[in-house]
Amino acid sequence: MKVRTSRRSRNVVIEMEPKDSALPPVSLPELQVKRILAPVDFSDCSHKAFHYAIQFARQFNAELMLLHVVIALPPPPQMVILERETLSAEYRVESAKQLSKWRREAVPGVSVKAVTREGTAAHQEIVEAARESNSDLIIIGNHGRTGWSRILVGGTAERVVRHAPCPVLVIREREHDFVADDKSRASASKASGLAHAE
């Protein structure tokens, strides 16, 4: 194997001989992902993003923080403030139960911390949580709303991407997946078992 620079361009040329079996190993810098933030709203799309987050946390041996934001809405004029506080407390308790349920889905060996925050805008709370926890990556689901729905509701994922202090991986509802869901894994495992039996 010979390595030389090209005369016409500044590229490096590697000339291989028949006895050479492969290119020399190239050392690439390792990705340092220690803390992953996974904001969830308990929808199917955020559940899908959570499964991506679990796999990333497992692969990088990273700590995973599962975050749900409780949106604090101003009470209608006829509603007593005490009722609003009661409803808010009930919603926080229900959110904690859901987070606990999702947390149990994590594979063994993945450290998952569940957190609930309250605020007036989900994207602001997500960005602030990422800053406070010094997150290296945010993995968030995107509902893919279009038209009036997107204009009225706004895209939380889009706003997080704009303001996040770290890289953001956005998982869409329908896309080419590189992390298989439980059904895909089960059918692949079954097909593999049948192939070995033959």
C-alpha atoms as a PDB file:
ATOM      1  CA  MET A   1       0.000   0.000   0.000  1.00  0.00           C
ATOM      2  CA  LYS A   2       1.298   3.445  -0.941  1.00  0.00           C
ATOM      3  CA  VAL A   3       0.017   6.777   0.292  1.00  0.00           C
ATOM      4  CA  ARG A   4       0.834   9.889  -1.732  1.00  0.00           C
ATOM      5  CA  THR A   5      -0.596  13.311  -2.470  1.00  0.00           C
ATOM      6  CA  SER A   6      -2.155  13.960  -5.829  1.00  0.00           C
ATOM      7  CA  ARG A   7      -0.335  16.463  -8.056  1.00  0.00           C
ATOM      8  CA  ARG A   8      -3.509  17.946  -9.532  1.00  0.00           C
ATOM      9  CA  SER A   9      -5.461  18.321  -6.326  1.00  0.00           C
ATOM     10  CA  ARG A  10      -4.498  18.414  -2.709  1.00  0.00           C
ATOM     11  CA  ASN A  11      -6.166  15.077  -2.047  1.00  0.00           C
ATOM     12  CA  VAL A  12      -4.410  12.077  -0.605  1.00  0.00           C
ATOM     13  CA  VAL A  13      -4.299   9.011  -2.851  1.00  0.00           C
ATOM     14  CA  ILE A  14      -4.001   5.490  -1.456  1.00  0.00           C
ATOM     15  CA  GLU A  15      -2.710   2.928  -3.946  1.00  0.00           C
ATOM     16  CA  MET A  16      -3.533  -0.637  -2.938  1.00  0.00           C
ATOM     17  CA  GLU A  17      -1.779  -3.728  -4.125  1.00  0.00           C
ATOM     18  CA  PRO A  18      -3.418  -7.156  -4.557  1.00  0.00           C
ATOM     19  CA  LYS A  19      -1.909  -8.398  -1.288  1.00  0.00           C
ATOM     20  CA  ASP A  20      -3.561  -5.536   0.660  1.00  0.00           C
ATOM     21  CA  SER A  21      -6.815  -6.756   2.170  1.00  0.00           C
ATOM     22  CA  ALA A  22      -8.307  -3.557   3.548  1.00  0.00           C
ATOM     23  CA  LEU A  23      -7.828   0.131   4.123  1.00  0.00           C
ATOM     24  CA  PRO A  24      -5.866   1.144   7.199  1.00  0.00           C
ATOM     25  CA  PRO A  25      -8.030   1.896  10.248  1.00  0.00           C
ATOM     26  CA  VAL A  26      -9.147   5.492  10.510  1.00  0.00           C
ATOM     27  CA  SER A  27      -9.408   6.908  13.997  1.00  0.00           C
ATOM     28  CA  LEU A  28     -12.464   9.092  14.500  1.00  0.00           C
ATOM     29  CA  PRO A  29     -13.197  11.147  17.596  1.00  0.00           C
ATOM     30  CA  GLU A  30     -15.628   9.406  19.942  1.00  0.00           C
ATOM     31  CA  LEU A  31     -19.002  10.926  20.632  1.00  0.00           C
ATOM     32  CA  GLN A  32     -19.310  11.975  24.258  1.00  0.00           C
ATOM     33  CA  VAL A  33     -22.978  11.622  25.150  1.00  0.00           C
ATOM     34  CA  LYS A  34     -23.429  11.410  28.916  1.00  0.00           C
ATOM     35  CA  ARG A  35     -26.880  12.944  29.482  1.00  0.00           C
ATOM     36  CA  ILE A  36     -29.917  12.619  27.203  1.00  0.00           C
ATOM     37  CA  LEU A  37     -33.146  14.574  27.694  1.00  0.00           C
ATOM     38  CA  ALA A  38     -36.374  12.987  26.394  1.00  0.00           C
ATOM     39  CA  PRO A  39     -39.392  15.340  26.672  1.00  0.00           C
ATOM     40  CA  VAL A  40     -42.703  13.453  26.465  1.00  0.00           C
ATOM     41  CA  ASP A  41     -46.380  14.387  26.288  1.00  0.00           C
ATOM     42  CA  PHE A  42     -47.574  10.733  26.516  1.00  0.00           C
ATOM     43  CA  SER A  43     -48.612  10.631  22.844  1.00  0.00           C
ATOM     44  CA  ASP A  44     -47.684   7.777  20.486  1.00  0.00           C
ATOM     45  CA  CYS A  45     -45.117  10.000  18.801  1.00  0.00           C
ATOM     46  CA  SER A  46     -43.363  10.862  22.071  1.00  0.00           C
ATOM     47  CA  HIS A  47     -43.463   7.159  23.010  1.00  0.00           C
ATOM     48  CA  LYS A  48     -41.616   6.406  19.785  1.00  0.00           C
ATOM     49  CA  ALA A  49     -39.039   9.116  20.601  1.00  0.00           C
ATOM     50  CA  PHE A  50     -38.665   7.643  24.092  1.00  0.00           C
ATOM     51  CA  HIS A  51     -37.709   4.271  22.579  1.00  0.00           C
ATOM     52  CA  TYR A  52     -35.035   6.018  20.495  1.00  0.00           C
ATOM     53  CA  ALA A  53     -33.784   7.733  23.662  1.00  0.00           C
ATOM     54  CA  ILE A  54     -33.565   4.392  25.489  1.00  0.00           C
ATOM     55  CA  GLN A  55     -31.454   2.892  22.710  1.00  0.00           C
ATOM     56  CA  PHE A  56     -29.160   5.925  22.553  1.00  0.00           C
ATOM     57  CA  ALA A  57     -28.752   5.861  26.343  1.00  0.00           C
ATOM     58  CA  ARG A  58     -27.927   2.160  26.222  1.00  0.00           C
ATOM     59  CA  GLN A  59     -25.433   2.553  23.379  1.00  0.00           C
ATOM     60  CA  PHE A  60     -23.597   5.492  24.955  1.00  0.00           C
ATOM     61  CA  ASN A  61     -24.072   4.340  28.570  1.00  0.00           C
ATOM     62  CA  ALA A  62     -25.721   7.725  29.169  1.00  0.00           C
ATOM     63  CA  GLU A  63     -28.135   8.902  31.827  1.00  0.00           C
ATOM     64  CA  LEU A  64     -31.643   9.448  30.457  1.00  0.00           C
ATOM     65  CA  MET A  65     -33.936  12.138  31.835  1.00  0.00           C
ATOM     66  CA  LEU A  66     -37.616  11.672  30.992  1.00  0.00           C
ATOM     67  CA  LEU A  67     -39.376  15.052  31.165  1.00  0.00           C
ATOM     68  CA  HIS A  68     -43.052  15.965  31.122  1.00  0.00           C
ATOM     69  CA  VAL A  69     -44.148  19.594  31.159  1.00  0.00           C
ATOM     70  CA  VAL A  70     -47.437  20.469  32.840  1.00  0.00           C
ATOM     71  CA  ILE A  71     -48.814  23.578  31.143  1.00  0.00           C
ATOM     72  CA  ALA A  72     -50.112  26.078  33.691  1.00  0.00           C
ATOM     73  CA  LEU A  73     -53.238  27.639  32.209  1.00  0.00           C
ATOM     74  CA  PRO A  74     -54.829  30.757  33.668  1.00  0.00           C
ATOM     75  CA  PRO A  75     -58.162  29.925  35.308  1.00  0.00           C
ATOM     76  CA  PRO A  76     -61.403  31.145  33.729  1.00  0.00           C
ATOM     77  CA  PRO A  77     -62.955  34.071  35.652  1.00  0.00           C
ATOM     78  CA  GLN A  78     -65.660  31.909  37.235  1.00  0.00           C
ATOM     79  CA  MET A  79     -63.216  29.257  38.446  1.00  0.00           C
ATOM     80  CA  VAL A  80     -62.082  29.493  42.019  1.00  0.00           C
ATOM     81  CA  ILE A  81     -58.292  29.555  42.418  1.00  0.00           C
ATOM     82  CA  LEU A  82     -58.532  26.702  44.909  1.00  0.00           C
ATOM     83  CA  GLU A  83     -60.154  24.479  42.238  1.00  0.00           C
ATOM     84  CA  ARG A  84     -57.371  25.352  39.785  1.00  0.00           C
ATOM     85  CA  GLU A  85     -54.724  24.330  42.315  1.00  0.00           C
ATOM     86  CA  THR A  86     -56.567  21.064  42.998  1.00  0.00           C
ATOM     87  CA  LEU A  87     -56.793  20.271  39.276  1.00  0.00           C
ATOM     88  CA  SER A  88     -53.117  21.154  38.792  1.00  0.00           C
ATOM     89  CA  ALA A  89     -52.099  18.875  41.682  1.00  0.00           C
ATOM     90  CA  GLU A  90     -54.218  16.029  40.294  1.00  0.00           C
ATOM     91  CA  TYR A  91     -52.630  16.465  36.853  1.00  0.00           C
ATOM     92  CA  ARG A  92     -49.123  16.406  38.370  1.00  0.00           C
ATOM     93  CA  VAL A  93     -49.957  13.181  40.248  1.00  0.00           C
ATOM     94  CA  GLU A  94     -51.332  11.589  37.065  1.00  0.00           C
ATOM     95  CA  SER A  95     -48.238  12.738  35.114  1.00  0.00           C
ATOM     96  CA  ALA A  96     -45.963  11.186  37.754  1.00  0.00           C
ATOM     97  CA  LYS A  97     -47.845   7.861  37.418  1.00  0.00           C
ATOM     98  CA  GLN A  98     -47.473   7.927  33.626  1.00  0.00           C
ATOM     99  CA  LEU A  99     -43.757   8.783  33.872  1.00  0.00           C
ATOM    100  CA  SER A 100     -43.253   5.916  36.318  1.00  0.00           C
ATOM    101  CA  LYS A 101     -45.005   3.522  33.928  1.00  0.00           C
ATOM    102  CA  TRP A 102     -42.861   4.641  30.985  1.00  0.00           C
ATOM    103  CA  ARG A 103     -39.731   4.502  33.113  1.00  0.00           C
ATOM    104  CA  ARG A 104     -40.304   0.776  33.709  1.00  0.00           C
ATOM    105  CA  GLU A 105     -40.075   0.219  29.924  1.00  0.00           C
ATOM    106  CA  ALA A 106     -36.374   1.089  29.911  1.00  0.00           C
ATOM    107  CA  VAL A 107     -33.989  -1.780  29.297  1.00  0.00           C
ATOM    108  CA  PRO A 108     -31.901  -3.023  32.231  1.00  0.00           C
ATOM    109  CA  GLY A 109     -28.740  -1.020  32.713  1.00  0.00           C
ATOM    110  CA  VAL A 110     -30.206   2.275  31.475  1.00  0.00           C
ATOM    111  CA  SER A 111     -30.429   4.911  34.201  1.00  0.00           C
ATOM    112  CA  VAL A 112     -33.739   6.784  33.802  1.00  0.00           C
ATOM    113  CA  LYS A 113     -34.711   9.802  35.874  1.00  0.00           C
ATOM    114  CA  ALA A 114     -38.309  11.089  35.599  1.00  0.00           C
ATOM    115  CA  VAL A 115     -39.029  14.792  36.080  1.00  0.00           C
ATOM    116  CA  THR A 116     -42.172  16.924  35.892  1.00  0.00           C
ATOM    117  CA  ARG A 117     -41.950  20.675  35.362  1.00  0.00           C
ATOM    118  CA  GLU A 118     -44.703  23.275  35.277  1.00  0.00           C
ATOM    119  CA  GLY A 119     -44.720  26.314  33.019  1.00  0.00           C
ATOM    120  CA  THR A 120     -46.648  28.337  30.457  1.00  0.00           C
ATOM    121  CA  ALA A 121     -44.695  27.139  27.399  1.00  0.00           C
ATOM    122  CA  ALA A 122     -43.443  23.569  26.939  1.00  0.00           C
ATOM    123  CA  HIS A 123     -40.484  24.499  24.737  1.00  0.00           C
ATOM    124  CA  GLN A 124     -39.158  27.005  27.295  1.00  0.00           C
ATOM    125  CA  GLU A 125     -39.287  24.408  30.082  1.00  0.00           C
ATOM    126  CA  ILE A 126     -37.579  21.801  27.881  1.00  0.00           C
ATOM    127  CA  VAL A 127     -34.768  24.187  26.928  1.00  0.00           C
ATOM    128  CA  GLU A 128     -34.335  25.278  30.550  1.00  0.00           C
ATOM    129  CA  ALA A 129     -34.248  21.644  31.733  1.00  0.00           C
ATOM    130  CA  ALA A 130     -31.585  20.879  29.105  1.00  0.00           C
ATOM    131  CA  ARG A 131     -29.475  23.805  30.351  1.00  0.00           C
ATOM    132  CA  GLU A 132     -29.889  22.936  34.023  1.00  0.00           C
ATOM    133  CA  SER A 133     -29.060  19.247  33.516  1.00  0.00           C
ATOM    134  CA  ASN A 134     -26.200  20.011  31.098  1.00  0.00           C
ATOM    135  CA  SER A 135     -27.761  17.643  28.523  1.00  0.00           C
ATOM    136  CA  ASP A 136     -25.640  16.505  25.578  1.00  0.00           C
ATOM    137  CA  LEU A 137     -28.619  15.551  23.412  1.00  0.00           C
ATOM    138  CA  ILE A 138     -32.383  16.096  23.306  1.00  0.00           C
ATOM    139  CA  ILE A 139     -34.535  13.423  21.630  1.00  0.00           C
ATOM    140  CA  ILE A 140     -38.051  14.705  20.994  1.00  0.00           C
ATOM    141  CA  GLY A 141     -41.086  13.555  19.024  1.00  0.00           C
ATOM    142  CA  ASN A 142     -42.723  15.717  16.366  1.00  0.00           C
ATOM    143  CA  HIS A 143     -46.428  15.287  15.643  1.00  0.00           C
ATOM    144  CA  GLY A 144     -46.022  16.569  12.104  1.00  0.00           C
ATOM    145  CA  ARG A 145     -48.922  19.002  12.325  1.00  0.00           C
ATOM    146  CA  THR A 146     -49.476  21.073   9.199  1.00  0.00           C
ATOM    147  CA  GLY A 147     -51.664  23.955   8.108  1.00  0.00           C
ATOM    148  CA  TRP A 148     -53.851  25.745  10.660  1.00  0.00           C
ATOM    149  CA  SER A 149     -53.120  23.237  13.392  1.00  0.00           C
ATOM    150  CA  ARG A 150     -49.419  24.079  13.213  1.00  0.00           C
ATOM    151  CA  ILE A 151     -50.066  27.821  13.080  1.00  0.00           C
ATOM    152  CA  LEU A 152     -52.437  27.756  16.059  1.00  0.00           C
ATOM    153  CA  VAL A 153     -50.636  25.205  18.246  1.00  0.00           C
ATOM    154  CA  GLY A 154     -47.090  25.835  17.049  1.00  0.00           C
ATOM    155  CA  GLY A 155     -44.391  23.220  16.866  1.00  0.00           C
ATOM    156  CA  THR A 156     -42.835  22.508  20.256  1.00  0.00           C
ATOM    157  CA  ALA A 157     -40.108  20.412  18.599  1.00  0.00           C
ATOM    158  CA  GLU A 158     -39.346  23.215  16.145  1.00  0.00           C
ATOM    159  CA  ARG A 159     -39.049  25.761  18.945  1.00  0.00           C
ATOM    160  CA  VAL A 160     -36.825  23.424  20.968  1.00  0.00           C
ATOM    161  CA  VAL A 161     -34.530  23.018  17.939  1.00  0.00           C
ATOM    162  CA  ARG A 162     -34.242  26.807  17.625  1.00  0.00           C
ATOM    163  CA  HIS A 163     -33.401  27.478  21.277  1.00  0.00           C
ATOM    164  CA  ALA A 164     -31.751  24.286  22.572  1.00  0.00           C
ATOM    165  CA  PRO A 165     -28.270  24.502  24.119  1.00  0.00           C
ATOM    166  CA  CYS A 166     -27.323  21.111  22.591  1.00  0.00           C
ATOM    167  CA  PRO A 167     -28.053  18.974  19.497  1.00  0.00           C
ATOM    168  CA  VAL A 168     -31.658  17.832  19.028  1.00  0.00           C
ATOM    169  CA  LEU A 169     -32.798  14.616  17.352  1.00  0.00           C
ATOM    170  CA  VAL A 170     -36.401  15.001  16.152  1.00  0.00           C
ATOM    171  CA  ILE A 171     -38.365  11.767  15.714  1.00  0.00           C
ATOM    172  CA  ARG A 172     -41.317  12.038  13.351  1.00  0.00           C
ATOM    173  CA  GLU A 173     -44.467   9.926  13.488  1.00  0.00           C
ATOM    174  CA  ARG A 174     -43.926   8.349  10.089  1.00  0.00           C
ATOM    175  CA  GLU A 175     -40.394   7.946   8.823  1.00  0.00           C
ATOM    176  CA  HIS A 176     -37.726   5.392   8.041  1.00  0.00           C
ATOM    177  CA  ASP A 177     -36.851   4.007  11.464  1.00  0.00           C
ATOM    178  CA  PHE A 178     -33.440   2.768  12.487  1.00  0.00           C
ATOM    179  CA  VAL A 179     -34.657   1.686  15.936  1.00  0.00           C
ATOM    180  CA  ALA A 180     -37.136  -1.181  15.724  1.00  0.00           C
ATOM    181  CA  ASP A 181     -40.228  -1.167  17.904  1.00  0.00           C
ATOM    182  CA  ASP A 182     -41.216  -4.176  20.033  1.00  0.00           C
ATOM    183  CA  LYS A 183     -43.472  -5.679  17.320  1.00  0.00           C
ATOM    184  CA  SER A 184     -40.719  -5.440  14.678  1.00  0.00           C
ATOM    185  CA  ARG A 185     -38.159  -6.981  17.053  1.00  0.00           C
ATOM    186  CA  ALA A 186     -40.534  -9.852  17.913  1.00  0.00           C
ATOM    187  CA  SER A 187     -41.288 -10.660  14.257  1.00  0.00           C
ATOM    188  CA  ALA A 188     -37.577 -10.390  13.307  1.00  0.00           C
ATOM    189  CA  SER A 189     -36.661 -12.701  16.191  1.00  0.00           C
ATOM    190  CA  LYS A 190     -39.365 -15.178  15.157  1.00  0.00           C
ATOM    191  CA  ALA A 191     -38.188 -15.075  11.503  1.00  0.00           C
ATOM    192  CA  SER A 192     -34.587 -15.588  12.632  1.00  0.00           C
ATOM    193  CA  GLY A 193     -35.653 -18.595  14.735  1.00  0.00           C
ATOM    194  CA  LEU A 194     -37.483 -20.134  11.743  1.00  0.00           C
ATOM    195  CA  ALA A 195     -34.467 -19.591   9.488  1.00  0.00           C
ATOM    196  CA  HIS A 196     -32.174 -21.396  11.978  1.00  0.00           C
ATOM    197  CA  ALA A 197     -34.682 -24.251  12.309  1.00  0.00           C
ATOM    198  CA  GLU A 198     -34.527 -24.917   8.571  1.00  0.00           C
END
